[in-house]
Amino acid sequence: MNGDFIEALDQIEKEKGVSKDILIEAIEAALISGYKRNYGTSQNVKVYIDRESGDVRVFSLKDVVEEVEDELLEISVEEAKEVDKNYEVGDVLEREVTPRNFGRIAAQTAKQVVVQRIREAERGIIYNEFVNRESEIVTGTVERISKGNTFINLGKTEAVLTPTEQIPGEVYNQNDRIKAYIVEVKKTTKGPQILVSRTHPGLVKRLFELEVPEIHDGIVEIKSISREAGSRTKIAVYSVDENVDPVGACVGHKGVRVQTIVDELKGEKIDIIKWSDDPEELIASALSPSKVLKVIPRENEKTALVVVPDYQLSLAIGKEGQNARLAAKLTGWKIDIKSESQYKEMGNTIEE
């Protein structure tokens, strides 16, 4: 190796952010193994690379002792004093043993170490970038599909969309451009593994933040989301400015804002309701699009009896109970829905 090699390390330090000293130390450590492997020795050695010239030198290391038990690892104090009279028992004698053709081995080893360290550094940079983006949206293109897993190209790396995180019925084709929610970023031996989701409620939240400036600016807040991916989502919103209608802001002019999100979610229905601290009002809104006649909350049990018109009972409950289930998730209340007739059979009237 020579001065050009040192210049190359300087360039790598500038471009890749990998310390030259760390690279040289890693090369020196690798060369110790290379020396022992190629020259069949078990003696202790030290490799030194000149930081200016790039010259590589190998030194054997022997402990200075009174009585030698292992000639490969030890040297008598008498013999050591022949090299330098200042040596004492307990010192370590260094003697250069650089082989004539060691430069070739050094060059090959150095290249392997540098390539490996650059790869590790780049993986570290990618990990640090994406670990700080957990719970955010990324946009990428479908690269390939293997064993149900969809791999999304994010430019510097790829993300994995597993079958459980895919919207039921959604089909992905190569080169499709999609948005996904970063659930977790893991460190692995092969580099960072980025796990993304299309089913997470956070995806809907982030999409609204992208499409609705009032949410991005903090004027409108998303208080709660409940979602059954691919079918229906309910979202409760609140405005800190009484002059701004939170539902209207999310729907947009002629529904353009919410429609953009529905299109991204391939037709998933989205109900947007106004948040209220009054549980009766909140629960009634959460059961939209059903009309609600009466809500009877039991605060201590966090349960509520809801009365709806007879013809609205199936709408309030929803297909396979979905509407009621999503309303319960959205509000945090257990909801028992009764028709007006059922409620009257219990001996009550709506006016009561």
Protein backbone atom coordinates (compact mmCIF):
# COMPACT_ATOMS: atom_id res chain seq x y z
CA MET A 1 0.00 0.00 0.00
CA ASN A 2 1.13 3.59 -0.55
CA GLY A 3 0.24 7.26 -0.20
CA ASP A 4 -2.53 6.91 -2.83
CA PHE A 5 -4.27 4.45 -0.53
CA ILE A 6 -4.17 6.95 2.35
CA GLU A 7 -5.59 9.63 0.03
CA ALA A 8 -8.39 7.23 -0.93
CA LEU A 9 -9.21 6.76 2.76
CA ASP A 10 -9.32 10.54 3.20
CA GLN A 11 -11.80 10.73 0.32
CA ILE A 12 -13.94 7.96 1.81
CA GLU A 13 -13.97 9.81 5.14
CA LYS A 14 -15.31 12.95 3.42
CA GLU A 15 -17.88 11.24 1.18
CA LYS A 16 -19.11 8.38 3.37
CA GLY A 17 -18.50 9.80 6.84
CA VAL A 18 -16.39 6.79 7.88
CA SER A 19 -13.40 7.81 10.03
CA LYS A 20 -10.01 7.16 8.40
CA ASP A 21 -8.52 6.16 11.75
CA ILE A 22 -11.30 3.64 12.36
CA LEU A 23 -10.71 2.17 8.89
CA ILE A 24 -6.96 1.89 9.44
CA GLU A 25 -7.43 0.27 12.84
CA ALA A 26 -9.86 -2.24 11.30
CA ILE A 27 -7.36 -2.99 8.49
CA GLU A 28 -4.54 -3.48 11.01
CA ALA A 29 -6.69 -5.92 13.00
CA ALA A 30 -7.60 -7.83 9.83
CA LEU A 31 -3.97 -7.97 8.73
CA ILE A 32 -2.96 -9.67 11.99
CA SER A 33 -5.34 -12.52 11.12
CA GLY A 34 -4.11 -12.46 7.52
CA TYR A 35 -0.48 -12.71 8.60
CA LYS A 36 -1.11 -15.64 10.94
CA ARG A 37 -3.22 -17.44 8.33
CA ASN A 38 -0.75 -17.01 5.48
CA TYR A 39 2.42 -17.62 7.43
CA GLY A 40 1.19 -20.35 9.73
CA THR A 41 2.31 -18.77 12.97
CA SER A 42 0.74 -18.57 16.39
CA GLN A 43 3.06 -15.92 17.74
CA ASN A 44 1.75 -12.58 18.93
CA VAL A 45 2.12 -9.92 16.26
CA LYS A 46 1.23 -6.27 15.76
CA VAL A 47 0.59 -4.63 12.40
CA TYR A 48 1.30 -0.93 11.96
CA ILE A 49 0.20 1.19 8.98
CA ASP A 50 1.97 4.52 8.55
CA ARG A 51 -0.75 7.23 8.48
CA GLU A 52 1.24 9.33 5.98
CA SER A 53 3.00 6.92 3.62
CA GLY A 54 0.68 3.91 3.88
CA ASP A 55 3.63 1.58 4.54
CA VAL A 56 2.70 -1.63 6.35
CA ARG A 57 5.01 -3.22 8.91
CA VAL A 58 4.59 -6.36 11.00
CA PHE A 59 6.15 -6.77 14.43
CA SER A 60 6.38 -9.91 16.57
CA LEU A 61 5.63 -9.34 20.25
CA LYS A 62 7.40 -11.33 22.96
CA ASP A 63 7.08 -11.00 26.72
CA VAL A 64 10.42 -10.51 28.48
CA VAL A 65 10.72 -13.23 31.19
CA GLU A 66 13.27 -14.78 33.53
CA GLU A 67 12.74 -18.29 32.17
CA VAL A 68 11.33 -19.01 28.70
CA GLU A 69 8.53 -21.61 28.51
CA ASP A 70 7.21 -20.78 25.02
CA GLU A 71 9.73 -19.46 22.50
CA LEU A 72 6.96 -18.15 20.22
CA LEU A 73 5.55 -15.90 22.92
CA GLU A 74 8.46 -15.23 25.28
CA ILE A 75 12.10 -14.13 25.29
CA SER A 76 14.63 -14.28 28.12
CA VAL A 77 15.69 -11.05 29.75
CA GLU A 78 19.34 -11.80 28.79
CA GLU A 79 18.49 -12.13 25.09
CA ALA A 80 16.30 -9.05 25.25
CA LYS A 81 19.13 -7.00 26.71
CA GLU A 82 21.25 -7.96 23.68
CA VAL A 83 18.69 -6.09 21.57
CA ASP A 84 18.40 -3.19 24.01
CA LYS A 85 20.01 -3.12 27.47
CA ASN A 86 16.99 -1.19 28.85
CA TYR A 87 14.65 -4.19 28.61
CA GLU A 88 13.45 -5.59 31.96
CA VAL A 89 11.28 -8.53 32.99
CA GLY A 90 7.63 -7.69 32.23
CA ASP A 91 8.42 -5.60 29.15
CA VAL A 92 7.29 -6.54 25.64
CA LEU A 93 9.94 -6.78 22.95
CA GLU A 94 8.90 -5.76 19.44
CA ARG A 95 10.85 -7.07 16.49
CA GLU A 96 9.99 -6.40 12.84
CA VAL A 97 9.07 -9.52 10.87
CA THR A 98 7.44 -7.98 7.80
CA PRO A 99 7.50 -10.59 4.97
CA ARG A 100 8.83 -9.49 1.60
CA ASN A 101 5.54 -9.99 -0.30
CA PHE A 102 3.23 -8.87 2.51
CA GLY A 103 2.15 -5.76 0.58
CA ARG A 104 0.01 -7.83 -1.81
CA ILE A 105 -1.81 -9.54 1.07
CA ALA A 106 -2.19 -6.18 2.80
CA ALA A 107 -3.76 -4.57 -0.29
CA GLN A 108 -6.31 -7.38 -0.75
CA THR A 109 -7.23 -7.40 2.93
CA ALA A 110 -7.51 -3.62 3.06
CA LYS A 111 -9.90 -3.57 0.12
CA GLN A 112 -12.17 -6.17 1.74
CA VAL A 113 -12.19 -4.34 5.07
CA VAL A 114 -12.90 -0.94 3.50
CA VAL A 115 -15.78 -2.30 1.40
CA GLN A 116 -17.26 -4.03 4.45
CA ARG A 117 -16.94 -0.96 6.69
CA ILE A 118 -18.47 1.32 4.04
CA ARG A 119 -21.38 -1.08 3.72
CA GLU A 120 -21.83 -1.14 7.51
CA ALA A 121 -21.64 2.66 7.67
CA GLU A 122 -24.23 3.07 4.92
CA ARG A 123 -26.53 0.59 6.68
CA GLY A 124 -26.08 2.58 9.89
CA ILE A 125 -26.96 5.83 8.14
CA ILE A 126 -30.10 4.28 6.61
CA TYR A 127 -31.12 2.79 9.97
CA ASN A 128 -30.70 6.12 11.77
CA GLU A 129 -32.69 7.89 9.07
CA PHE A 130 -35.65 5.53 9.15
CA VAL A 131 -35.73 4.71 12.88
CA ASN A 132 -36.54 8.41 13.40
CA ARG A 133 -39.41 8.09 10.90
CA GLU A 134 -41.36 5.36 12.69
CA SER A 135 -45.09 6.26 12.68
CA GLU A 136 -44.65 8.29 9.49
CA ILE A 137 -45.76 7.66 5.91
CA VAL A 138 -43.33 6.64 3.18
CA THR A 139 -43.98 6.52 -0.54
CA GLY A 140 -42.34 3.89 -2.72
CA THR A 141 -42.80 1.57 -5.67
CA VAL A 142 -43.58 -2.13 -5.52
CA GLU A 143 -40.32 -3.89 -6.38
CA ARG A 144 -41.25 -7.55 -6.03
CA ILE A 145 -43.65 -9.93 -4.32
CA SER A 146 -42.38 -13.08 -2.61
CA LYS A 147 -44.29 -15.58 -0.45
CA GLY A 148 -47.05 -13.03 0.10
CA ASN A 149 -44.62 -10.33 1.22
CA THR A 150 -44.55 -7.16 -0.87
CA PHE A 151 -41.18 -5.40 -1.07
CA ILE A 152 -41.35 -1.64 -1.59
CA ASN A 153 -38.42 0.28 -3.04
CA LEU A 154 -37.80 3.45 -1.00
CA GLY A 155 -34.73 4.54 -2.98
CA LYS A 156 -31.86 3.92 -0.54
CA THR A 157 -33.43 0.74 0.83
CA GLU A 158 -36.59 -1.33 0.72
CA ALA A 159 -39.50 -1.87 3.08
CA VAL A 160 -41.48 -5.05 3.73
CA LEU A 161 -45.28 -5.15 3.63
CA THR A 162 -46.23 -8.50 5.18
CA PRO A 163 -49.56 -10.24 4.39
CA THR A 164 -51.04 -9.28 7.79
CA GLU A 165 -50.36 -5.59 7.10
CA GLN A 166 -51.94 -5.63 3.62
CA ILE A 167 -55.46 -4.36 3.03
CA PRO A 168 -57.72 -7.37 2.37
CA GLY A 169 -58.43 -7.70 -1.33
CA GLU A 170 -55.84 -5.12 -2.36
CA VAL A 171 -53.66 -6.29 -5.26
CA TYR A 172 -50.10 -5.01 -5.71
CA ASN A 173 -48.31 -5.07 -9.04
CA GLN A 174 -44.67 -4.40 -9.82
CA ASN A 175 -43.92 -0.65 -10.19
CA ASP A 176 -47.19 0.35 -8.46
CA ARG A 177 -46.63 3.52 -6.43
CA ILE A 178 -48.07 3.22 -2.93
CA LYS A 179 -48.01 4.92 0.46
CA ALA A 180 -47.41 2.92 3.63
CA TYR A 181 -47.07 3.55 7.37
CA ILE A 182 -43.75 2.71 9.06
CA VAL A 183 -44.57 0.39 11.96
CA GLU A 184 -41.07 -0.65 13.03
CA VAL A 185 -37.42 -0.38 12.01
CA LYS A 186 -35.19 -3.28 13.07
CA LYS A 187 -31.42 -3.74 13.01
CA THR A 188 -30.37 -7.01 11.36
CA THR A 189 -27.08 -8.52 10.17
CA LYS A 190 -28.15 -7.73 6.60
CA GLY A 191 -28.94 -4.10 7.38
CA PRO A 192 -32.06 -2.29 8.58
CA GLN A 193 -35.41 -4.02 8.11
CA ILE A 194 -38.27 -1.56 7.63
CA LEU A 195 -41.71 -2.98 8.37
CA VAL A 196 -44.64 -1.04 6.93
CA SER A 197 -48.42 -1.28 7.05
CA ARG A 198 -51.43 -0.41 4.92
CA THR A 199 -53.91 -1.47 7.62
CA HIS A 200 -52.69 0.60 10.58
CA PRO A 201 -55.06 3.41 11.73
CA GLY A 202 -51.99 5.65 11.77
CA LEU A 203 -51.94 5.51 7.95
CA VAL A 204 -55.34 7.23 7.82
CA LYS A 205 -54.21 9.81 10.38
CA ARG A 206 -51.07 10.66 8.39
CA LEU A 207 -53.01 10.86 5.12
CA PHE A 208 -55.38 13.41 6.67
CA GLU A 209 -52.38 15.39 7.93
CA LEU A 210 -51.03 15.47 4.37
CA GLU A 211 -54.34 16.47 2.77
CA VAL A 212 -55.83 18.83 5.37
CA PRO A 213 -53.75 21.97 6.07
CA GLU A 214 -55.83 22.74 9.16
CA ILE A 215 -54.70 19.45 10.74
CA HIS A 216 -51.07 20.06 9.75
CA ASP A 217 -51.27 23.56 11.28
CA GLY A 218 -52.85 22.29 14.53
CA ILE A 219 -56.17 24.10 14.08
CA VAL A 220 -58.05 20.81 13.66
CA GLU A 221 -57.11 17.84 15.85
CA ILE A 222 -57.76 14.15 15.24
CA LYS A 223 -59.08 12.93 18.58
CA SER A 224 -59.75 9.29 17.74
CA ILE A 225 -59.66 6.79 14.87
CA SER A 226 -61.17 3.33 14.53
CA ARG A 227 -60.54 1.30 11.42
CA GLU A 228 -61.30 -1.99 9.74
CA ALA A 229 -58.90 -1.79 6.81
CA GLY A 230 -60.35 -2.15 3.35
CA SER A 231 -63.89 -1.65 4.57
CA ARG A 232 -64.57 1.34 6.83
CA THR A 233 -62.88 3.94 9.04
CA LYS A 234 -64.41 6.34 11.55
CA ILE A 235 -62.51 9.45 12.55
CA ALA A 236 -63.45 12.01 15.23
CA VAL A 237 -62.10 15.54 14.77
CA TYR A 238 -62.11 18.71 16.87
CA SER A 239 -61.35 22.36 16.08
CA VAL A 240 -59.50 24.66 18.48
CA ASP A 241 -60.92 27.59 16.46
CA GLU A 242 -64.70 27.91 16.79
CA ASN A 243 -64.79 29.58 13.36
CA VAL A 244 -63.39 26.46 11.66
CA ASP A 245 -65.70 23.49 11.03
CA PRO A 246 -63.48 20.42 11.66
CA VAL A 247 -65.66 18.05 9.62
CA GLY A 248 -65.91 20.47 6.71
CA ALA A 249 -62.15 21.03 6.73
CA CYS A 250 -61.54 17.28 6.48
CA VAL A 251 -64.15 16.72 3.78
CA GLY A 252 -62.93 19.65 1.69
CA HIS A 253 -64.67 21.57 -1.09
CA LYS A 254 -67.03 19.16 -2.84
CA GLY A 255 -65.43 16.33 -0.84
CA VAL A 256 -62.12 16.58 -2.70
CA ARG A 257 -59.88 16.15 0.37
CA VAL A 258 -61.51 13.04 1.79
CA GLN A 259 -61.92 11.60 -1.72
CA THR A 260 -58.15 11.76 -2.25
CA ILE A 261 -57.69 9.64 0.88
CA VAL A 262 -60.47 7.23 -0.13
CA ASP A 263 -58.76 6.79 -3.51
CA GLU A 264 -55.42 6.09 -1.82
CA LEU A 265 -57.16 3.45 0.32
CA LYS A 266 -58.79 1.92 -2.77
CA GLY A 267 -62.38 2.89 -1.93
CA GLU A 268 -62.40 2.40 1.86
CA LYS A 269 -65.40 4.25 3.33
CA ILE A 270 -64.58 7.06 5.79
CA ASP A 271 -67.03 8.52 8.30
CA ILE A 272 -65.92 11.87 9.75
CA ILE A 273 -67.63 13.04 12.92
CA LYS A 274 -67.24 16.01 15.24
CA TRP A 275 -65.63 15.17 18.57
CA SER A 276 -67.53 16.08 21.74
CA ASP A 277 -66.70 15.80 25.43
CA ASP A 278 -70.39 15.01 25.99
CA PRO A 279 -70.61 11.18 25.74
CA GLU A 280 -74.25 11.29 24.58
CA GLU A 281 -73.42 13.60 21.70
CA LEU A 282 -70.22 11.73 20.82
CA ILE A 283 -71.86 8.28 20.80
CA ALA A 284 -74.80 9.52 18.73
CA SER A 285 -72.40 10.99 16.16
CA ALA A 286 -70.20 7.88 16.15
CA LEU A 287 -73.13 5.72 15.03
CA SER A 288 -73.46 7.79 11.86
CA PRO A 289 -74.98 7.37 9.30
CA SER A 290 -77.71 5.99 11.57
CA LYS A 291 -80.15 8.36 13.26
CA VAL A 292 -80.13 8.12 17.07
CA LEU A 293 -83.18 8.89 19.21
CA LYS A 294 -81.65 8.58 22.67
CA VAL A 295 -78.36 7.77 24.40
CA ILE A 296 -78.36 6.64 28.03
CA PRO A 297 -74.77 6.52 29.31
CA ARG A 298 -73.63 4.78 32.49
CA GLU A 299 -70.48 6.73 33.35
CA ASN A 300 -69.17 4.37 36.03
CA GLU A 301 -69.40 1.33 33.71
CA LYS A 302 -68.43 3.22 30.53
CA THR A 303 -71.44 1.63 28.81
CA ALA A 304 -74.32 3.22 26.95
CA LEU A 305 -77.77 2.16 25.86
CA VAL A 306 -78.62 3.65 22.47
CA VAL A 307 -82.14 3.82 21.04
CA VAL A 308 -82.66 4.12 17.28
CA PRO A 309 -85.77 4.13 15.07
CA ASP A 310 -86.95 0.63 14.14
CA TYR A 311 -86.11 1.07 10.46
CA GLN A 312 -82.59 2.24 11.39
CA LEU A 313 -81.63 -0.69 13.65
CA SER A 314 -79.76 -2.71 11.02
CA LEU A 315 -78.01 0.46 9.77
CA ALA A 316 -76.93 1.37 13.29
CA ILE A 317 -75.54 -2.10 13.94
CA GLY A 318 -74.05 -2.35 10.46
CA LYS A 319 -73.11 -5.39 8.39
CA GLU A 320 -71.88 -8.10 10.77
CA GLY A 321 -71.97 -5.47 13.56
CA GLN A 322 -69.28 -3.33 11.97
CA ASN A 323 -70.85 0.10 12.51
CA ALA A 324 -71.50 -0.55 16.20
CA ARG A 325 -68.04 -2.10 16.64
CA LEU A 326 -66.26 0.87 15.06
CA ALA A 327 -68.35 3.34 17.07
CA ALA A 328 -67.39 1.55 20.29
CA LYS A 329 -63.67 1.66 19.36
CA LEU A 330 -63.91 5.32 18.39
CA THR A 331 -65.61 6.46 21.61
CA GLY A 332 -64.12 3.99 24.06
CA TRP A 333 -67.65 3.11 25.25
CA LYS A 334 -69.40 -0.25 25.19
CA ILE A 335 -72.58 0.36 23.17
CA ASP A 336 -75.85 -1.60 23.43
CA ILE A 337 -78.24 -0.70 20.58
CA LYS A 338 -81.99 -1.13 20.87
CA SER A 339 -84.78 -0.27 18.45
CA GLU A 340 -87.54 2.09 19.57
CA SER A 341 -89.97 -0.85 19.79
CA GLN A 342 -87.57 -2.90 21.93
CA TYR A 343 -87.04 0.08 24.20
CA LYS A 344 -90.81 0.58 24.64
CA GLU A 345 -91.22 -3.14 25.40
CA MET A 346 -88.87 -2.55 28.32
CA GLY A 347 -91.52 -0.14 29.66
CA ASN A 348 -89.84 3.10 28.65
CA THR A 349 -90.65 6.01 26.40
CA ILE A 350 -88.23 8.16 24.38
CA GLU A 351 -89.38 11.30 26.22
CA GLU A 352 -88.27 9.85 29.53
